[in-house]
Every structure is written in C-alpha cells, then in structure tokens.
Amino acid sequence: MLPSSLLHFTKKNNSSFGYSTHIGTIEDTLRALSLLLPGRFEDGDLCSQAILASLNLISLYHTKFLVQSSFKNKNLLPKEGISFSFNERFNHFNASRLSCKTASWTLSIISYTEVVIEMILRRKLSKNARWKWIASMEGLKAILRLILFYGTKNRMIVHPTHFIRNVDPNSFEICKDDKFELLALDPRTGTALSANNSDSGSTVRCQSRKGWGHLGELLWIIRPFIYAFMIMMEQQKNSTTNMKRHDGNEDESIEKEDEGSWKPWIISLSIDIMARISRNIQPMSALEKDESKRRDYLFIYYLFRGPIYLKFTRVLLDKFCNATEHRPLISIITAAINDYRPFWEDSYFYTAGS
C-alpha cells in the first residue's frame, strides 16, 4: 500500500544535468509542498493529499519505465531456479502474468488514491454511503490480493506491489552497491516501508505458503474487509437512531467516532494476531521476513483506530498539545501534530494498514 516515490538511491557520481537530477528535484519539491500545506488554509489537507497522490502516480510510471528498460538493456530476465532480487521477483511472478500484473498495479493505484477519494466523498456522501464505499474498496483489495496470492503459487504478498526504484536513469544500470535511503515512515500513512534494499542483492527466494503459513496469509488478506464490513453494519444498525435524534452536528464528528464500537476493533486485532502467529510457524526468506516486520509495524495503527483512539490516544494527545503548545521548540512538534490530526481522525484509510 506504500509509495515507491519515497524510495531514493544515492549515486556517487550523479550528473547535475542528468535526467535523475531533474526528476528528483521535481518530485522532492512537490513532496515538500504536500507536507507544508496541511493546516495552512481551508481544504489544505485535501490539496496536500491530491498533490501527493499525483506525485506517487507519476513516480510509479517513472519507476516502471526505468526498471523495465534496465531489464531489456541488460537482459536481466530471471529464470526458474535462481535467486531473485525484489524487482526480479516482481517481474517474474507479477509482471509476466496478465492477471497478477493487473491486480498488482491496480492495488498500487488504489493505495495512492484511496485517501484523497475518501476525503472528497466525506464532503458529499452520508456516513452510511461512505462506509459502504470503504467496505467495497476493502473487498476489492482483498480480491486483488487473493489473485496475487494464488497467481504466484501461494507466495507471500510482498509490499509494495510494484517495482522499486533501484536503477540509475542515466545508464539504466542496477545500483546494487549504492546506499539506498529508505524513509522509515510514509508521510501519508506513517507505515515503515518493506523491501529493504540492503538485501536487494542477496538471496531472497520466496517459497509457497503451506499449512499454517497459508492460513496466516489468508487471514491477513481478509482482515481489513472484515473490519470495514463490521463497522458498515454498525452504522446501518444505528442509522435509524441517529436520524431520529439528528441535531445537525453530524459534520462536526470525526471519522473515528464511527469506529467507536469495541467489537470490530477486538475481532480485527485478534485476526491480525492469529495471522502473525500462523505466518511465523513456516520458515521465511529474507524478503518475507522483511515483509513480516512491516506488517508488525502496522499494529501501531490500532492506537489510532476505533475506541482505543477515542478513549486513550486522543486524550493523551490533547493533554500533550495543551501542555506544550506555548513552549519553545517543542511547540513545533505540537503544531505539526495539530496540523496532521485531521488526516487520521477524518480518514479511515490513513490508518487502515491495508
């Protein structure tokens, strides 16, 4: 679900007039602009996400072009029986099959646009209609991941579902020896990226998931849909009551108040825990271990989801912000938290971990 545009490589003798310099400058400028807009003016958060989504889609195209050109120029087409780097694995299992190729790129496009689409729909649709759309999107993503899972012969779905940028645009050479700068957190979701490129030249052969490993992958795939579907049903159940005592304050509520029931939160957490235990029973390759660590990071999102956020995390944030908003230096952090709180409070996908 995370932007490949956040993955950069550092080349020692990079030409100042090269294609990579121009592309990097444009992408970095747009990314900085998207980070500065939230909280600056009305609808600044929507503009920020629209810019970031556009940037990630453009970067997705650039990365695909560079990696495929590298494969063609260097004849780096992987063959059965050899070890795969991340891009070689993707090219062999995903890009070479029409169904997997369509599913993987569709997942990437959805992950880049779902937040901004949700923000637009929040302004136009009722809560019930919005949660129907959210549940439908999670259902579609689950179907696409099932296509990937079974289309790659039951191999673990590794994030991201597209090529990563490890190619020098000037020579189309794979930068295996260069230092990769892997940002710890995605500014849209706060998720740690996987596909650690320190291992990009190492043996990362992924095996088919069997038994408990198979079950763990299926649980991980369907968990987001189950959570969104349960919240949608809660909204429909409470819609009659809400309509009877409607007082015009619906627009003032935050998205997390829709997730206020403990039942979906507990069931979702239980499924994630079972999925984690199941996938660790079967031995994993280096690439799969990296993906498993990324999924472990996603447990942090439970602090920003449902009743735990309303009753615990938000209370702590309010106390922290009230105590530090007028203090030197630390008030900068407080201002940033206040600027970005609307994202995780008003958007389900921002902290969905899907």
Protein backbone atom coordinates (compact mmCIF):
# COMPACT_ATOMS: atom_id res chain seq x y z
CA MET A 1 0.00 0.00 0.00
CA LEU A 2 3.14 2.50 0.18
CA PRO A 3 4.70 4.99 -2.33
CA SER A 4 7.74 3.91 -4.31
CA SER A 5 8.36 7.63 -4.79
CA LEU A 6 9.65 7.67 -1.21
CA LEU A 7 12.49 5.34 -2.19
CA HIS A 8 15.57 7.14 -3.50
CA PHE A 9 19.05 5.98 -4.27
CA THR A 10 22.27 7.93 -3.79
CA LYS A 11 24.74 7.65 -6.64
CA LYS A 12 28.28 8.83 -6.02
CA ASN A 13 28.94 10.46 -9.39
CA ASN A 14 25.50 11.64 -10.35
CA SER A 15 25.48 14.18 -13.17
CA SER A 16 23.94 17.53 -12.28
CA PHE A 17 22.36 17.72 -15.71
CA GLY A 18 21.07 14.14 -15.79
CA TYR A 19 17.51 13.01 -16.03
CA SER A 20 17.64 11.72 -12.48
CA THR A 21 18.52 15.17 -11.14
CA HIS A 22 15.55 16.85 -12.81
CA ILE A 23 13.10 14.13 -11.81
CA GLY A 24 14.40 14.03 -8.26
CA THR A 25 14.17 17.81 -7.92
CA ILE A 26 10.60 17.93 -9.20
CA GLU A 27 9.46 15.05 -7.00
CA ASP A 28 11.17 16.42 -3.89
CA THR A 29 9.66 19.88 -4.48
CA LEU A 30 6.14 18.51 -4.85
CA ARG A 31 6.61 16.25 -1.85
CA ALA A 32 7.78 19.15 0.31
CA LEU A 33 4.81 21.23 -0.86
CA SER A 34 2.39 18.44 0.07
CA LEU A 35 3.89 18.27 3.57
CA LEU A 36 3.63 22.02 4.14
CA LEU A 37 0.01 22.53 3.02
CA PRO A 38 -1.97 20.82 5.84
CA GLY A 39 -3.42 23.34 8.27
CA ARG A 40 -2.36 26.37 6.22
CA PHE A 41 -5.76 27.19 4.67
CA GLU A 42 -9.22 25.74 4.15
CA ASP A 43 -9.07 22.44 2.25
CA GLY A 44 -5.28 22.50 2.56
CA ASP A 45 -5.37 18.85 3.67
CA LEU A 46 -7.27 17.87 0.51
CA CYS A 47 -4.83 19.79 -1.70
CA SER A 48 -1.89 18.14 0.09
CA GLN A 49 -3.21 14.63 -0.49
CA ALA A 50 -4.12 15.42 -4.11
CA ILE A 51 -0.56 16.58 -4.79
CA LEU A 52 0.93 13.57 -3.02
CA ALA A 53 -1.33 11.15 -4.89
CA SER A 54 -0.43 12.73 -8.24
CA LEU A 55 3.27 12.66 -7.38
CA ASN A 56 3.15 8.99 -6.44
CA LEU A 57 1.32 8.04 -9.65
CA ILE A 58 3.91 9.91 -11.74
CA SER A 59 6.74 8.32 -9.80
CA LEU A 60 5.11 4.91 -10.27
CA TYR A 61 5.27 5.38 -14.04
CA HIS A 62 8.88 6.61 -13.92
CA THR A 63 9.97 3.65 -11.81
CA LYS A 64 8.24 1.13 -14.06
CA PHE A 65 9.88 2.64 -17.15
CA LEU A 66 13.36 2.69 -15.59
CA VAL A 67 13.27 -0.86 -14.25
CA GLN A 68 11.83 -2.39 -17.41
CA SER A 69 14.39 -0.51 -19.52
CA SER A 70 17.12 -1.91 -17.29
CA PHE A 71 15.83 -5.46 -17.77
CA LYS A 72 15.71 -5.02 -21.55
CA ASN A 73 19.13 -3.38 -21.85
CA LYS A 74 20.96 -5.80 -19.58
CA ASN A 75 18.94 -8.93 -20.39
CA LEU A 76 18.24 -9.45 -16.72
CA LEU A 77 15.22 -11.65 -17.23
CA PRO A 78 15.09 -14.07 -14.29
CA LYS A 79 14.92 -17.80 -14.86
CA GLU A 80 13.45 -20.55 -12.78
CA GLY A 81 15.88 -21.91 -10.21
CA ILE A 82 17.84 -18.71 -9.46
CA SER A 83 17.63 -16.25 -6.58
CA PHE A 84 15.57 -13.12 -7.07
CA SER A 85 16.04 -9.53 -6.07
CA PHE A 86 12.83 -7.67 -5.27
CA ASN A 87 12.35 -6.28 -8.81
CA GLU A 88 13.33 -9.57 -10.45
CA ARG A 89 10.85 -11.41 -8.24
CA PHE A 90 8.11 -8.94 -9.15
CA ASN A 91 8.92 -9.16 -12.85
CA HIS A 92 8.89 -12.97 -12.76
CA PHE A 93 5.77 -13.60 -10.69
CA ASN A 94 3.64 -10.48 -11.21
CA ALA A 95 4.53 -8.59 -14.38
CA SER A 96 4.76 -11.74 -16.52
CA ARG A 97 1.16 -12.82 -15.81
CA LEU A 98 -1.75 -10.70 -17.02
CA SER A 99 -3.99 -11.39 -14.04
CA CYS A 100 -1.23 -10.76 -11.49
CA LYS A 101 0.04 -7.73 -13.40
CA THR A 102 -3.43 -6.17 -13.47
CA ALA A 103 -4.05 -6.95 -9.80
CA SER A 104 -0.69 -5.60 -8.61
CA TRP A 105 -0.84 -2.31 -10.48
CA THR A 106 -4.49 -1.81 -9.53
CA LEU A 107 -3.56 -2.28 -5.86
CA SER A 108 -0.79 0.30 -6.19
CA ILE A 109 -3.07 2.86 -7.84
CA ILE A 110 -5.76 2.31 -5.21
CA SER A 111 -3.25 2.73 -2.38
CA TYR A 112 -2.15 6.10 -3.80
CA THR A 113 -5.64 7.49 -4.37
CA GLU A 114 -7.90 5.99 -1.68
CA VAL A 115 -7.23 8.70 0.92
CA VAL A 116 -7.91 11.65 -1.37
CA ILE A 117 -11.03 9.95 -2.79
CA GLU A 118 -12.30 9.28 0.73
CA MET A 119 -11.73 12.93 1.67
CA ILE A 120 -13.79 14.05 -1.33
CA LEU A 121 -16.58 11.56 -0.60
CA ARG A 122 -16.70 12.66 3.04
CA ARG A 123 -17.81 16.08 1.79
CA LYS A 124 -20.51 14.65 -0.47
CA LEU A 125 -21.87 11.40 0.98
CA SER A 126 -23.62 10.36 4.17
CA LYS A 127 -21.87 8.16 6.73
CA ASN A 128 -23.72 5.05 5.59
CA ALA A 129 -22.88 5.61 1.95
CA ARG A 130 -19.25 6.40 2.79
CA TRP A 131 -18.80 3.21 4.80
CA LYS A 132 -20.42 1.17 2.04
CA TRP A 133 -17.79 2.56 -0.31
CA ILE A 134 -14.99 1.87 2.18
CA ALA A 135 -16.16 -1.74 2.70
CA SER A 136 -16.42 -2.18 -1.08
CA MET A 137 -12.86 -0.92 -1.57
CA GLU A 138 -11.54 -3.26 1.11
CA GLY A 139 -13.43 -6.12 -0.53
CA LEU A 140 -11.93 -5.26 -3.91
CA LYS A 141 -8.43 -5.09 -2.42
CA ALA A 142 -8.96 -8.49 -0.76
CA ILE A 143 -9.99 -10.00 -4.12
CA LEU A 144 -6.95 -8.48 -5.85
CA ARG A 145 -4.63 -9.84 -3.15
CA LEU A 146 -6.20 -13.30 -3.49
CA ILE A 147 -5.50 -13.13 -7.23
CA LEU A 148 -1.88 -12.25 -6.46
CA PHE A 149 -1.57 -14.92 -3.78
CA TYR A 150 -2.87 -17.80 -5.87
CA GLY A 151 -1.46 -16.41 -9.13
CA THR A 152 2.06 -16.55 -7.65
CA LYS A 153 1.55 -20.13 -6.43
CA ASN A 154 0.68 -19.24 -2.83
CA ARG A 155 3.68 -16.98 -2.21
CA MET A 156 3.54 -14.25 0.42
CA ILE A 157 2.33 -10.91 -0.92
CA VAL A 158 5.28 -8.55 -0.56
CA HIS A 159 4.83 -4.81 -0.35
CA PRO A 160 4.91 -2.74 -2.49
CA THR A 161 3.02 -4.39 -5.33
CA HIS A 162 5.13 -2.68 -7.98
CA PHE A 163 8.78 -2.17 -8.92
CA ILE A 164 11.06 -0.28 -6.54
CA ARG A 165 13.40 2.34 -7.93
CA ASN A 166 16.94 0.99 -7.84
CA VAL A 167 18.01 1.95 -11.37
CA ASP A 168 20.29 4.79 -12.45
CA PRO A 169 18.28 6.77 -15.06
CA ASN A 170 21.48 7.86 -16.84
CA SER A 171 22.80 4.37 -17.59
CA PHE A 172 19.87 2.06 -16.74
CA GLU A 173 22.25 0.12 -14.50
CA ILE A 174 21.03 -1.51 -11.29
CA CYS A 175 22.63 0.29 -8.35
CA LYS A 176 23.37 -2.74 -6.22
CA ASP A 177 26.37 -1.20 -4.48
CA ASP A 178 24.89 2.21 -3.82
CA LYS A 179 23.43 3.23 -0.49
CA PHE A 180 19.65 3.35 -0.51
CA GLU A 181 17.79 5.88 1.56
CA LEU A 182 14.67 4.11 2.81
CA LEU A 183 12.46 6.52 4.69
CA ALA A 184 11.23 4.96 7.91
CA LEU A 185 7.74 6.39 7.60
CA ASP A 186 5.43 7.21 4.75
CA PRO A 187 4.03 10.76 5.27
CA ARG A 188 0.59 9.57 4.14
CA THR A 189 0.24 6.55 6.39
CA GLY A 190 3.20 6.53 8.76
CA THR A 191 3.99 2.95 7.71
CA ALA A 192 7.51 1.56 7.61
CA LEU A 193 8.33 0.53 4.05
CA SER A 194 9.38 -3.01 3.26
CA ALA A 195 11.65 -4.45 0.58
CA ASN A 196 14.75 -3.32 2.47
CA ASN A 197 17.25 -2.65 -0.26
CA SER A 198 20.27 -3.54 1.77
CA ASP A 199 19.19 -7.06 0.85
CA SER A 200 18.41 -6.28 -2.79
CA GLY A 201 21.44 -8.21 -4.00
CA SER A 202 21.06 -11.07 -1.57
CA THR A 203 19.23 -14.36 -1.80
CA VAL A 204 15.55 -13.65 -1.29
CA ARG A 205 13.85 -16.67 -2.80
CA CYS A 206 10.25 -16.85 -1.57
CA GLN A 207 8.60 -20.23 -1.08
CA SER A 208 4.94 -21.18 -1.33
CA ARG A 209 2.97 -20.77 1.87
CA LYS A 210 1.64 -24.07 3.16
CA GLY A 211 -0.42 -25.19 6.12
CA TRP A 212 -0.38 -22.57 8.88
CA GLY A 213 1.56 -20.17 6.64
CA HIS A 214 -1.21 -20.43 4.04
CA LEU A 215 -3.86 -19.76 6.70
CA GLY A 216 -1.91 -16.79 8.07
CA GLU A 217 -1.73 -15.16 4.65
CA LEU A 218 -5.47 -15.63 4.07
CA LEU A 219 -6.26 -14.11 7.48
CA TRP A 220 -4.06 -11.12 6.71
CA ILE A 221 -5.79 -10.62 3.35
CA ILE A 222 -9.38 -10.68 4.61
CA ARG A 223 -8.85 -8.82 7.92
CA PRO A 224 -9.33 -5.24 6.57
CA PHE A 225 -12.56 -6.20 4.80
CA ILE A 226 -13.98 -7.86 7.92
CA TYR A 227 -13.21 -4.75 9.98
CA ALA A 228 -14.73 -2.32 7.47
CA PHE A 229 -17.75 -4.57 6.89
CA MET A 230 -18.48 -4.80 10.62
CA ILE A 231 -18.31 -1.03 11.00
CA MET A 232 -20.60 -0.62 7.98
CA MET A 233 -23.13 -2.95 9.63
CA GLU A 234 -22.84 -0.99 12.90
CA GLN A 235 -23.56 2.22 11.00
CA GLN A 236 -26.62 0.74 9.33
CA LYS A 237 -27.87 -0.60 12.66
CA ASN A 238 -27.52 2.81 14.30
CA SER A 239 -28.72 4.88 11.33
CA THR A 240 -32.37 4.90 12.42
CA THR A 241 -31.49 6.08 15.92
CA ASN A 242 -29.14 8.74 14.56
CA MET A 243 -31.82 10.05 12.19
CA LYS A 244 -34.37 10.34 15.00
CA ARG A 245 -32.11 12.44 17.18
CA HIS A 246 -30.30 14.25 14.37
CA ASP A 247 -29.40 17.73 15.52
CA GLY A 248 -27.32 18.98 12.63
CA ASN A 249 -23.95 18.17 14.21
CA GLU A 250 -23.03 15.20 12.03
CA ASP A 251 -20.48 17.22 10.08
CA GLU A 252 -18.66 18.08 13.31
CA SER A 253 -17.98 14.46 14.26
CA ILE A 254 -14.76 12.75 13.32
CA GLU A 255 -14.38 9.52 11.39
CA LYS A 256 -13.03 7.66 14.43
CA GLU A 257 -16.37 8.16 16.19
CA ASP A 258 -17.88 5.90 13.54
CA GLU A 259 -15.41 3.23 14.69
CA GLY A 260 -16.35 3.63 18.35
CA SER A 261 -17.51 0.04 18.89
CA TRP A 262 -15.12 -2.35 20.62
CA LYS A 263 -16.37 -5.44 18.77
CA PRO A 264 -14.85 -4.69 15.31
CA TRP A 265 -11.63 -3.46 16.94
CA ILE A 266 -11.15 -6.58 19.07
CA ILE A 267 -12.03 -9.00 16.24
CA SER A 268 -9.69 -7.20 13.84
CA LEU A 269 -6.83 -7.27 16.36
CA SER A 270 -7.46 -10.95 17.07
CA ILE A 271 -7.31 -11.82 13.36
CA ASP A 272 -4.06 -9.87 12.97
CA ILE A 273 -2.52 -11.67 15.93
CA MET A 274 -3.59 -15.08 14.59
CA ALA A 275 -2.21 -14.16 11.15
CA ARG A 276 1.12 -13.16 12.69
CA ILE A 277 1.44 -16.37 14.70
CA SER A 278 0.47 -18.52 11.71
CA ARG A 279 2.89 -16.97 9.22
CA ASN A 280 5.82 -17.27 11.65
CA ILE A 281 5.31 -21.03 12.02
CA GLN A 282 6.62 -21.59 8.49
CA PRO A 283 10.25 -20.58 7.73
CA MET A 284 10.58 -17.40 5.68
CA SER A 285 13.13 -15.98 3.27
CA ALA A 286 14.92 -12.68 3.91
CA LEU A 287 12.39 -10.81 1.79
CA GLU A 288 9.46 -12.45 3.55
CA LYS A 289 10.95 -11.67 6.96
CA ASP A 290 11.23 -8.02 5.93
CA GLU A 291 7.59 -8.04 4.86
CA SER A 292 6.61 -9.69 8.14
CA LYS A 293 8.38 -6.89 10.06
CA ARG A 294 6.47 -4.30 8.02
CA ARG A 295 3.19 -5.96 8.95
CA ASP A 296 4.25 -5.97 12.61
CA TYR A 297 4.70 -2.18 12.41
CA LEU A 298 1.08 -1.90 11.34
CA PHE A 299 -0.04 -2.92 14.83
CA ILE A 300 0.78 0.67 15.84
CA TYR A 301 -2.29 1.74 13.88
CA TYR A 302 -4.53 0.10 16.46
CA LEU A 303 -3.66 3.00 18.78
CA PHE A 304 -5.19 5.36 16.20
CA ARG A 305 -8.24 3.26 15.42
CA GLY A 306 -11.66 2.83 16.98
CA PRO A 307 -12.44 3.18 20.69
CA ILE A 308 -8.80 2.95 21.79
CA TYR A 309 -8.15 6.22 19.98
CA LEU A 310 -11.25 7.93 21.36
CA LYS A 311 -10.70 6.81 24.95
CA PHE A 312 -6.92 6.71 25.22
CA THR A 313 -4.73 8.04 22.39
CA ARG A 314 -6.73 11.20 21.70
CA VAL A 315 -6.86 12.03 25.43
CA LEU A 316 -3.07 11.75 25.68
CA LEU A 317 -2.58 13.86 22.55
CA ASP A 318 -4.93 16.55 23.90
CA LYS A 319 -3.03 16.71 27.18
CA PHE A 320 0.33 16.82 25.42
CA CYS A 321 -0.73 19.53 22.97
CA ASN A 322 -2.36 21.68 25.67
CA ALA A 323 0.75 21.45 27.84
CA THR A 324 3.31 22.20 25.12
CA GLU A 325 1.62 24.48 22.57
CA HIS A 326 3.22 27.64 24.06
CA ARG A 327 6.63 26.20 24.93
CA PRO A 328 9.71 26.99 22.81
CA LEU A 329 10.92 24.40 20.30
CA ILE A 330 8.58 21.61 21.39
CA SER A 331 5.65 23.75 20.22
CA ILE A 332 6.84 23.00 16.67
CA ILE A 333 6.05 19.33 17.23
CA THR A 334 2.71 20.27 18.76
CA ALA A 335 1.82 22.41 15.73
CA ALA A 336 2.70 19.54 13.38
CA ILE A 337 0.53 17.12 15.38
CA ASN A 338 -2.41 19.53 15.26
CA ASP A 339 -1.94 20.07 11.52
CA TYR A 340 -1.98 16.36 10.77
CA ARG A 341 -4.60 15.20 13.26
CA PRO A 342 -7.45 15.77 10.77
CA PHE A 343 -5.86 13.16 8.50
CA TRP A 344 -6.02 10.24 10.91
CA GLU A 345 -9.19 11.48 12.63
CA ASP A 346 -11.25 12.09 9.49
CA SER A 347 -9.91 9.37 7.19
CA TYR A 348 -10.27 5.63 7.62
CA PHE A 349 -7.63 4.70 5.01
CA TYR A 350 -4.96 6.92 6.57
CA THR A 351 -4.61 4.46 9.45
CA ALA A 352 -6.21 1.38 7.86
CA GLY A 353 -2.95 -0.50 7.43
CA SER A 354 -4.34 -2.17 4.34
